[in-house]
């Protein structure tokens, strides 16, 4: 297993990775057909070794999405749109060529959208993304830094939940009443989150995060700039999206989503 921070993608600007992810996702959401999604997935898998990520690490991050896509596909096969030859018909359960094709398209499309998103975003540091959005996109710094601070606290909430659970078990109050225990811990965590958020907001105000940008020029600890490799990643995503759409149109499988 290779640490995502040591991948060549870790040195690419976070904004470029976000744009590449959105570009592939939007291109695949324009149509529901197995060809464009299959081509995009194959091309993504072909360039994935260059990211130098461990197979086990990628699978650990993507298997929940793959499992959800498989469940959705099975449901579509059983209850999807009937078309073409009918293989099974029993009540509302209908398996036909149309439901099988639609299920395959959904499965491939979810995987084709999720895989590059997981790979690119798993090599992105939230602070780098906040720097890019604030410096390059020029989003309001108060919004960007507030969202970053909230995201950083998610890990603390998970740690707090684990510590509260262990503390309750040590006191012998976690042996029964799971629903009551869950509601009590959720309320305690909610109160703790409010207190921590209040302290964090006060600390950020004391450091000038709430200053009027028209009066104070904000500085950034780490400059965020776009380089040639960032443009290469966006260009690669554009090529994959274009090839996928062209393949679907050439085979006649392209089905614009608004015409469904």
C-alpha atoms as a PDB file:
ATOM      1  CA  UNK A   1       0.000   0.000   0.000  1.00  0.00           C
ATOM      2  CA  UNK A   2       1.374   3.426  -0.992  1.00  0.00           C
ATOM      3  CA  UNK A   3       0.534   6.569   0.955  1.00  0.00           C
ATOM      4  CA  UNK A   4      -1.628   8.905  -1.130  1.00  0.00           C
ATOM      5  CA  UNK A   5       0.560  11.816  -0.055  1.00  0.00           C
ATOM      6  CA  UNK A   6       3.488  10.250  -1.938  1.00  0.00           C
ATOM      7  CA  UNK A   7       1.564   9.906  -5.193  1.00  0.00           C
ATOM      8  CA  UNK A   8       2.521  12.168  -8.113  1.00  0.00           C
ATOM      9  CA  UNK A   9      -1.055  13.479  -7.978  1.00  0.00           C
ATOM     10  CA  UNK A  10      -0.365  14.932  -4.528  1.00  0.00           C
ATOM     11  CA  UNK A  11       1.759  17.635  -6.178  1.00  0.00           C
ATOM     12  CA  UNK A  12      -0.988  18.689  -8.587  1.00  0.00           C
ATOM     13  CA  UNK A  13      -2.962  21.787  -7.658  1.00  0.00           C
ATOM     14  CA  UNK A  14      -6.164  20.903  -5.806  1.00  0.00           C
ATOM     15  CA  UNK A  15      -8.217  23.151  -8.082  1.00  0.00           C
ATOM     16  CA  UNK A  16      -7.028  21.264 -11.171  1.00  0.00           C
ATOM     17  CA  UNK A  17      -8.069  17.954  -9.583  1.00  0.00           C
ATOM     18  CA  UNK A  18     -11.466  19.396  -8.693  1.00  0.00           C
ATOM     19  CA  UNK A  19     -11.996  20.694 -12.238  1.00  0.00           C
ATOM     20  CA  UNK A  20     -10.942  17.350 -13.738  1.00  0.00           C
ATOM     21  CA  UNK A  21     -13.346  15.479 -11.468  1.00  0.00           C
ATOM     22  CA  UNK A  22     -16.244  17.792 -12.317  1.00  0.00           C
ATOM     23  CA  UNK A  23     -15.449  17.614 -16.026  1.00  0.00           C
ATOM     24  CA  UNK A  24     -15.618  13.812 -16.099  1.00  0.00           C
ATOM     25  CA  UNK A  25     -18.713  13.719 -13.921  1.00  0.00           C
ATOM     26  CA  UNK A  26     -20.662  16.251 -15.985  1.00  0.00           C
ATOM     27  CA  UNK A  27     -19.704  14.543 -19.249  1.00  0.00           C
ATOM     28  CA  UNK A  28     -20.935  11.172 -17.964  1.00  0.00           C
ATOM     29  CA  UNK A  29     -24.164  12.590 -16.582  1.00  0.00           C
ATOM     30  CA  UNK A  30     -25.230  13.945 -19.970  1.00  0.00           C
ATOM     31  CA  UNK A  31     -26.248  10.484 -21.157  1.00  0.00           C
ATOM     32  CA  UNK A  32     -27.280   7.118 -19.754  1.00  0.00           C
ATOM     33  CA  UNK A  33     -25.613   4.499 -21.905  1.00  0.00           C
ATOM     34  CA  UNK A  34     -23.083   1.754 -21.198  1.00  0.00           C
ATOM     35  CA  UNK A  35     -20.665   2.738 -23.976  1.00  0.00           C
ATOM     36  CA  UNK A  36     -19.568   6.185 -22.785  1.00  0.00           C
ATOM     37  CA  UNK A  37     -19.325   5.025 -19.170  1.00  0.00           C
ATOM     38  CA  UNK A  38     -17.445   1.855 -20.142  1.00  0.00           C
ATOM     39  CA  UNK A  39     -14.937   3.732 -22.294  1.00  0.00           C
ATOM     40  CA  UNK A  40     -14.369   6.313 -19.563  1.00  0.00           C
ATOM     41  CA  UNK A  41     -13.876   3.599 -16.948  1.00  0.00           C
ATOM     42  CA  UNK A  42     -11.416   1.672 -19.136  1.00  0.00           C
ATOM     43  CA  UNK A  43      -9.376   4.799 -19.898  1.00  0.00           C
ATOM     44  CA  UNK A  44      -9.342   5.757 -16.226  1.00  0.00           C
ATOM     45  CA  UNK A  45      -8.101   2.294 -15.252  1.00  0.00           C
ATOM     46  CA  UNK A  46      -5.447   2.526 -17.981  1.00  0.00           C
ATOM     47  CA  UNK A  47      -3.931   5.726 -16.548  1.00  0.00           C
ATOM     48  CA  UNK A  48      -4.481   4.762 -12.899  1.00  0.00           C
ATOM     49  CA  UNK A  49      -1.064   3.020 -12.502  1.00  0.00           C
ATOM     50  CA  UNK A  50       0.632   6.374 -13.162  1.00  0.00           C
ATOM     51  CA  UNK A  51      -0.898   7.657  -9.919  1.00  0.00           C
ATOM     52  CA  UNK A  52       1.141   5.006  -8.074  1.00  0.00           C
ATOM     53  CA  UNK A  53      -1.579   4.246  -5.551  1.00  0.00           C
ATOM     54  CA  UNK A  54      -1.915   0.881  -3.891  1.00  0.00           C
ATOM     55  CA  UNK A  55      -4.651  -1.359  -5.263  1.00  0.00           C
ATOM     56  CA  UNK A  56      -5.750  -2.211  -1.734  1.00  0.00           C
ATOM     57  CA  UNK A  57      -5.966   1.460  -0.830  1.00  0.00           C
ATOM     58  CA  UNK A  58      -8.061   2.295  -3.895  1.00  0.00           C
ATOM     59  CA  UNK A  59     -10.352  -0.663  -3.249  1.00  0.00           C
ATOM     60  CA  UNK A  60     -10.777   0.306   0.412  1.00  0.00           C
ATOM     61  CA  UNK A  61     -11.950   3.747  -0.647  1.00  0.00           C
ATOM     62  CA  UNK A  62     -14.205   2.666  -3.504  1.00  0.00           C
ATOM     63  CA  UNK A  63     -15.834  -0.575  -2.352  1.00  0.00           C
ATOM     64  CA  UNK A  64     -18.790   1.136  -0.577  1.00  0.00           C
ATOM     65  CA  UNK A  65     -19.621   2.982  -3.789  1.00  0.00           C
ATOM     66  CA  UNK A  66     -19.184  -0.197  -5.847  1.00  0.00           C
ATOM     67  CA  UNK A  67     -21.477  -2.084  -3.472  1.00  0.00           C
ATOM     68  CA  UNK A  68     -24.130   0.640  -3.698  1.00  0.00           C
ATOM     69  CA  UNK A  69     -23.859   0.627  -7.497  1.00  0.00           C
ATOM     70  CA  UNK A  70     -24.287  -3.160  -7.551  1.00  0.00           C
ATOM     71  CA  UNK A  71     -27.411  -2.951  -5.390  1.00  0.00           C
ATOM     72  CA  UNK A  72     -28.874  -0.236  -7.624  1.00  0.00           C
ATOM     73  CA  UNK A  73     -28.105  -2.298 -10.709  1.00  0.00           C
ATOM     74  CA  UNK A  74     -29.789  -5.416  -9.326  1.00  0.00           C
ATOM     75  CA  UNK A  75     -32.879  -3.381  -8.447  1.00  0.00           C
ATOM     76  CA  UNK A  76     -32.901  -1.906 -11.957  1.00  0.00           C
ATOM     77  CA  UNK A  77     -32.649  -5.367 -13.539  1.00  0.00           C
ATOM     78  CA  UNK A  78     -35.631  -6.566 -11.528  1.00  0.00           C
ATOM     79  CA  UNK A  79     -37.841  -3.496 -11.660  1.00  0.00           C
ATOM     80  CA  UNK A  80     -36.374  -1.324 -14.424  1.00  0.00           C
ATOM     81  CA  UNK A  81     -37.881  -0.074 -17.641  1.00  0.00           C
ATOM     82  CA  UNK A  82     -39.275  -2.985 -19.692  1.00  0.00           C
ATOM     83  CA  UNK A  83     -38.148  -2.975 -23.322  1.00  0.00           C
ATOM     84  CA  UNK A  84     -37.217  -5.526 -25.936  1.00  0.00           C
ATOM     85  CA  UNK A  85     -37.417  -9.215 -25.148  1.00  0.00           C
ATOM     86  CA  UNK A  86     -39.027 -10.086 -21.808  1.00  0.00           C
ATOM     87  CA  UNK A  87     -37.246 -12.853 -19.883  1.00  0.00           C
ATOM     88  CA  UNK A  88     -39.105 -12.851 -16.546  1.00  0.00           C
ATOM     89  CA  UNK A  89     -42.455 -11.274 -15.705  1.00  0.00           C
ATOM     90  CA  UNK A  90     -43.975 -11.890 -12.303  1.00  0.00           C
ATOM     91  CA  UNK A  91     -46.068  -9.109 -10.765  1.00  0.00           C
ATOM     92  CA  UNK A  92     -44.003  -5.938 -10.706  1.00  0.00           C
ATOM     93  CA  UNK A  93     -40.832  -7.941 -11.293  1.00  0.00           C
ATOM     94  CA  UNK A  94     -39.858  -7.680 -14.959  1.00  0.00           C
ATOM     95  CA  UNK A  95     -36.509  -8.603 -16.437  1.00  0.00           C
ATOM     96  CA  UNK A  96     -36.044  -7.554 -20.035  1.00  0.00           C
ATOM     97  CA  UNK A  97     -33.385  -6.334 -22.446  1.00  0.00           C
ATOM     98  CA  UNK A  98     -34.221  -2.741 -21.516  1.00  0.00           C
ATOM     99  CA  UNK A  99     -33.816  -3.278 -17.769  1.00  0.00           C
ATOM    100  CA  UNK A 100     -30.543  -5.179 -18.245  1.00  0.00           C
ATOM    101  CA  UNK A 101     -29.086  -2.475 -20.490  1.00  0.00           C
ATOM    102  CA  UNK A 102     -30.164   0.252 -18.073  1.00  0.00           C
ATOM    103  CA  UNK A 103     -28.700  -1.623 -15.106  1.00  0.00           C
ATOM    104  CA  UNK A 104     -25.379  -2.060 -16.900  1.00  0.00           C
ATOM    105  CA  UNK A 105     -25.336   1.628 -17.810  1.00  0.00           C
ATOM    106  CA  UNK A 106     -25.996   2.641 -14.193  1.00  0.00           C
ATOM    107  CA  UNK A 107     -23.323   0.311 -12.809  1.00  0.00           C
ATOM    108  CA  UNK A 108     -20.637   1.482 -15.241  1.00  0.00           C
ATOM    109  CA  UNK A 109     -21.614   5.144 -14.882  1.00  0.00           C
ATOM    110  CA  UNK A 110     -21.404   5.142 -11.101  1.00  0.00           C
ATOM    111  CA  UNK A 111     -18.011   3.432 -11.181  1.00  0.00           C
ATOM    112  CA  UNK A 112     -16.725   5.707 -13.954  1.00  0.00           C
ATOM    113  CA  UNK A 113     -17.704   8.811 -11.981  1.00  0.00           C
ATOM    114  CA  UNK A 114     -16.634   7.553  -8.567  1.00  0.00           C
ATOM    115  CA  UNK A 115     -13.219   6.082  -9.415  1.00  0.00           C
ATOM    116  CA  UNK A 116     -11.501   9.271 -10.672  1.00  0.00           C
ATOM    117  CA  UNK A 117     -13.227  11.317  -7.966  1.00  0.00           C
ATOM    118  CA  UNK A 118     -11.959   9.014  -5.214  1.00  0.00           C
ATOM    119  CA  UNK A 119      -8.449   8.824  -6.657  1.00  0.00           C
ATOM    120  CA  UNK A 120      -8.091  12.565  -7.212  1.00  0.00           C
ATOM    121  CA  UNK A 121      -9.706  13.731  -3.997  1.00  0.00           C
ATOM    122  CA  UNK A 122      -7.912  11.141  -1.853  1.00  0.00           C
ATOM    123  CA  UNK A 123      -4.628  12.773  -2.875  1.00  0.00           C
ATOM    124  CA  UNK A 124      -5.936  16.271  -2.077  1.00  0.00           C
ATOM    125  CA  UNK A 125      -5.229  18.006   1.199  1.00  0.00           C
ATOM    126  CA  UNK A 126      -8.235  20.072   2.354  1.00  0.00           C
ATOM    127  CA  UNK A 127      -5.957  23.005   3.194  1.00  0.00           C
ATOM    128  CA  UNK A 128      -4.557  23.001  -0.366  1.00  0.00           C
ATOM    129  CA  UNK A 129      -8.088  23.012  -1.775  1.00  0.00           C
ATOM    130  CA  UNK A 130      -9.059  25.912   0.483  1.00  0.00           C
ATOM    131  CA  UNK A 131      -5.948  27.837  -0.600  1.00  0.00           C
ATOM    132  CA  UNK A 132      -6.788  27.268  -4.271  1.00  0.00           C
ATOM    133  CA  UNK A 133     -10.429  28.300  -3.887  1.00  0.00           C
ATOM    134  CA  UNK A 134      -9.487  31.422  -1.950  1.00  0.00           C
ATOM    135  CA  UNK A 135      -6.504  32.554  -4.017  1.00  0.00           C
ATOM    136  CA  UNK A 136      -7.298  31.407  -7.566  1.00  0.00           C
ATOM    137  CA  UNK A 137     -11.101  31.239  -7.712  1.00  0.00           C
ATOM    138  CA  UNK A 138     -11.342  34.261  -5.352  1.00  0.00           C
ATOM    139  CA  UNK A 139     -14.111  32.788  -3.225  1.00  0.00           C
ATOM    140  CA  UNK A 140     -14.808  34.684   0.024  1.00  0.00           C
ATOM    141  CA  UNK A 141     -12.062  33.814   2.476  1.00  0.00           C
ATOM    142  CA  UNK A 142     -14.479  33.741   5.408  1.00  0.00           C
ATOM    143  CA  UNK A 143     -16.572  31.050   3.721  1.00  0.00           C
ATOM    144  CA  UNK A 144     -13.572  29.008   2.539  1.00  0.00           C
ATOM    145  CA  UNK A 145     -11.704  29.047   5.827  1.00  0.00           C
ATOM    146  CA  UNK A 146     -14.864  28.422   7.828  1.00  0.00           C
ATOM    147  CA  UNK A 147     -15.645  25.369   5.707  1.00  0.00           C
ATOM    148  CA  UNK A 148     -12.053  24.174   6.096  1.00  0.00           C
ATOM    149  CA  UNK A 149     -12.222  24.543   9.865  1.00  0.00           C
ATOM    150  CA  UNK A 150     -15.502  22.602   9.952  1.00  0.00           C
ATOM    151  CA  UNK A 151     -14.018  19.843   7.819  1.00  0.00           C
ATOM    152  CA  UNK A 152     -11.008  19.580  10.092  1.00  0.00           C
ATOM    153  CA  UNK A 153     -13.317  19.071  13.070  1.00  0.00           C
ATOM    154  CA  UNK A 154     -14.970  15.989  11.555  1.00  0.00           C
ATOM    155  CA  UNK A 155     -12.089  13.822  12.700  1.00  0.00           C
ATOM    156  CA  UNK A 156     -12.415  15.236  16.219  1.00  0.00           C
ATOM    157  CA  UNK A 157     -16.115  14.391  16.290  1.00  0.00           C
ATOM    158  CA  UNK A 158     -15.342  10.780  15.373  1.00  0.00           C
ATOM    159  CA  UNK A 159     -12.696  10.647  18.105  1.00  0.00           C
ATOM    160  CA  UNK A 160     -15.106  12.195  20.634  1.00  0.00           C
ATOM    161  CA  UNK A 161     -17.781   9.627  19.778  1.00  0.00           C
ATOM    162  CA  UNK A 162     -15.316   6.784  20.313  1.00  0.00           C
ATOM    163  CA  UNK A 163     -14.107   8.202  23.633  1.00  0.00           C
ATOM    164  CA  UNK A 164     -17.659   8.733  24.917  1.00  0.00           C
ATOM    165  CA  UNK A 165     -18.567   5.178  23.961  1.00  0.00           C
ATOM    166  CA  UNK A 166     -15.551   3.776  25.831  1.00  0.00           C
ATOM    167  CA  UNK A 167     -16.243   5.982  28.849  1.00  0.00           C
ATOM    168  CA  UNK A 168     -19.855   4.815  29.045  1.00  0.00           C
ATOM    169  CA  UNK A 169     -18.784   1.190  28.790  1.00  0.00           C
ATOM    170  CA  UNK A 170     -16.260   1.720  31.583  1.00  0.00           C
ATOM    171  CA  UNK A 171     -19.065   3.081  33.800  1.00  0.00           C
ATOM    172  CA  UNK A 172     -21.331   0.162  32.898  1.00  0.00           C
ATOM    173  CA  UNK A 173     -24.064   2.279  31.275  1.00  0.00           C
ATOM    174  CA  UNK A 174     -23.661   0.901  27.751  1.00  0.00           C
ATOM    175  CA  UNK A 175     -24.840  -2.648  28.307  1.00  0.00           C
ATOM    176  CA  UNK A 176     -28.494  -2.176  27.340  1.00  0.00           C
ATOM    177  CA  UNK A 177     -30.851   0.321  25.722  1.00  0.00           C
ATOM    178  CA  UNK A 178     -28.992   0.883  22.461  1.00  0.00           C
ATOM    179  CA  UNK A 179     -31.468   3.430  21.108  1.00  0.00           C
ATOM    180  CA  UNK A 180     -31.479   5.425  24.334  1.00  0.00           C
ATOM    181  CA  UNK A 181     -27.685   5.250  24.503  1.00  0.00           C
ATOM    182  CA  UNK A 182     -27.378   6.445  20.898  1.00  0.00           C
ATOM    183  CA  UNK A 183     -29.716   9.405  21.472  1.00  0.00           C
ATOM    184  CA  UNK A 184     -27.880  10.371  24.657  1.00  0.00           C
ATOM    185  CA  UNK A 185     -24.474  10.225  22.999  1.00  0.00           C
ATOM    186  CA  UNK A 186     -25.745  12.125  19.956  1.00  0.00           C
ATOM    187  CA  UNK A 187     -27.083  14.925  22.153  1.00  0.00           C
ATOM    188  CA  UNK A 188     -23.835  15.068  24.144  1.00  0.00           C
ATOM    189  CA  UNK A 189     -21.820  15.198  20.938  1.00  0.00           C
ATOM    190  CA  UNK A 190     -24.097  17.948  19.602  1.00  0.00           C
ATOM    191  CA  UNK A 191     -23.521  20.068  22.712  1.00  0.00           C
ATOM    192  CA  UNK A 192     -19.775  19.430  22.540  1.00  0.00           C
ATOM    193  CA  UNK A 193     -19.700  20.440  18.868  1.00  0.00           C
ATOM    194  CA  UNK A 194     -21.498  23.730  19.630  1.00  0.00           C
ATOM    195  CA  UNK A 195     -19.050  24.555  22.419  1.00  0.00           C
ATOM    196  CA  UNK A 196     -16.027  23.715  20.261  1.00  0.00           C
ATOM    197  CA  UNK A 197     -17.441  25.711  17.342  1.00  0.00           C
ATOM    198  CA  UNK A 198     -18.001  28.733  19.587  1.00  0.00           C
ATOM    199  CA  UNK A 199     -14.421  28.577  20.878  1.00  0.00           C
ATOM    200  CA  UNK A 200     -13.080  28.174  17.354  1.00  0.00           C
ATOM    201  CA  UNK A 201     -15.126  31.123  16.057  1.00  0.00           C
ATOM    202  CA  UNK A 202     -13.824  33.303  18.890  1.00  0.00           C
ATOM    203  CA  UNK A 203     -10.242  32.274  18.168  1.00  0.00           C
ATOM    204  CA  UNK A 204     -10.668  32.977  14.449  1.00  0.00           C
ATOM    205  CA  UNK A 205     -12.166  36.402  15.133  1.00  0.00           C
ATOM    206  CA  UNK A 206      -9.239  37.205  17.442  1.00  0.00           C
ATOM    207  CA  UNK A 207      -6.869  36.396  14.590  1.00  0.00           C
ATOM    208  CA  UNK A 208      -8.646  38.710  12.160  1.00  0.00           C
ATOM    209  CA  UNK A 209     -10.595  36.162  10.134  1.00  0.00           C
ATOM    210  CA  UNK A 210     -13.709  38.313  10.386  1.00  0.00           C
ATOM    211  CA  UNK A 211     -12.077  41.502   9.138  1.00  0.00           C
ATOM    212  CA  UNK A 212     -13.641  43.386   6.247  1.00  0.00           C
ATOM    213  CA  UNK A 213     -11.671  42.422   3.076  1.00  0.00           C
ATOM    214  CA  UNK A 214     -12.126  45.986   1.789  1.00  0.00           C
ATOM    215  CA  UNK A 215     -10.134  47.314   4.736  1.00  0.00           C
ATOM    216  CA  UNK A 216      -7.658  44.504   5.351  1.00  0.00           C
ATOM    217  CA  UNK A 217      -5.679  42.656   2.681  1.00  0.00           C
ATOM    218  CA  UNK A 218      -5.618  38.979   3.593  1.00  0.00           C
ATOM    219  CA  UNK A 219      -2.329  37.092   3.331  1.00  0.00           C
ATOM    220  CA  UNK A 220      -1.893  33.355   2.781  1.00  0.00           C
ATOM    221  CA  UNK A 221       0.759  31.158   4.355  1.00  0.00           C
ATOM    222  CA  UNK A 222       1.083  28.954   1.265  1.00  0.00           C
ATOM    223  CA  UNK A 223       0.679  30.460  -2.223  1.00  0.00           C
ATOM    224  CA  UNK A 224      -1.476  28.428  -4.612  1.00  0.00           C
ATOM    225  CA  UNK A 225      -0.441  28.652  -8.271  1.00  0.00           C
ATOM    226  CA  UNK A 226      -1.283  26.716 -11.414  1.00  0.00           C
ATOM    227  CA  UNK A 227       1.528  24.932 -13.241  1.00  0.00           C
ATOM    228  CA  UNK A 228       1.947  22.983 -16.469  1.00  0.00           C
ATOM    229  CA  UNK A 229       1.193  19.639 -14.807  1.00  0.00           C
ATOM    230  CA  UNK A 230      -2.127  21.038 -13.572  1.00  0.00           C
ATOM    231  CA  UNK A 231      -3.133  21.906 -17.126  1.00  0.00           C
ATOM    232  CA  UNK A 232      -2.002  18.458 -18.275  1.00  0.00           C
ATOM    233  CA  UNK A 233      -4.349  16.771 -15.798  1.00  0.00           C
ATOM    234  CA  UNK A 234      -7.307  18.896 -16.891  1.00  0.00           C
ATOM    235  CA  UNK A 235      -6.445  18.208 -20.542  1.00  0.00           C
ATOM    236  CA  UNK A 236      -6.296  14.466 -19.836  1.00  0.00           C
ATOM    237  CA  UNK A 237      -9.734  14.582 -18.214  1.00  0.00           C
ATOM    238  CA  UNK A 238     -11.084  16.518 -21.194  1.00  0.00           C
ATOM    239  CA  UNK A 239      -9.658  13.944 -23.618  1.00  0.00           C
ATOM    240  CA  UNK A 240     -11.197  11.040 -21.682  1.00  0.00           C
ATOM    241  CA  UNK A 241     -14.570  12.791 -21.588  1.00  0.00           C
ATOM    242  CA  UNK A 242     -14.433  13.644 -25.307  1.00  0.00           C
ATOM    243  CA  UNK A 243     -13.390  10.120 -26.337  1.00  0.00           C
ATOM    244  CA  UNK A 244     -16.148   8.587 -24.221  1.00  0.00           C
ATOM    245  CA  UNK A 245     -18.843  10.804 -25.726  1.00  0.00           C
ATOM    246  CA  UNK A 246     -17.494  10.298 -29.251  1.00  0.00           C
ATOM    247  CA  UNK A 247     -17.493   6.514 -28.810  1.00  0.00           C
ATOM    248  CA  UNK A 248     -21.102   6.551 -27.595  1.00  0.00           C
ATOM    249  CA  UNK A 249     -22.219   8.730 -30.515  1.00  0.00           C
ATOM    250  CA  UNK A 250     -20.309   6.629 -33.046  1.00  0.00           C
ATOM    251  CA  UNK A 251     -21.936   3.404 -31.829  1.00  0.00           C
ATOM    252  CA  UNK A 252     -25.388   4.962 -31.654  1.00  0.00           C
ATOM    253  CA  UNK A 253     -25.649   4.307 -27.932  1.00  0.00           C
ATOM    254  CA  UNK A 254     -25.695   7.976 -26.933  1.00  0.00           C
ATOM    255  CA  UNK A 255     -28.948   8.819 -25.173  1.00  0.00           C
ATOM    256  CA  UNK A 256     -29.134  12.395 -24.001  1.00  0.00           C
ATOM    257  CA  UNK A 257     -30.609  12.431 -20.521  1.00  0.00           C
ATOM    258  CA  UNK A 258     -33.234  15.077 -21.348  1.00  0.00           C
ATOM    259  CA  UNK A 259     -34.723  12.820 -24.036  1.00  0.00           C
ATOM    260  CA  UNK A 260     -35.432   9.946 -21.652  1.00  0.00           C
END
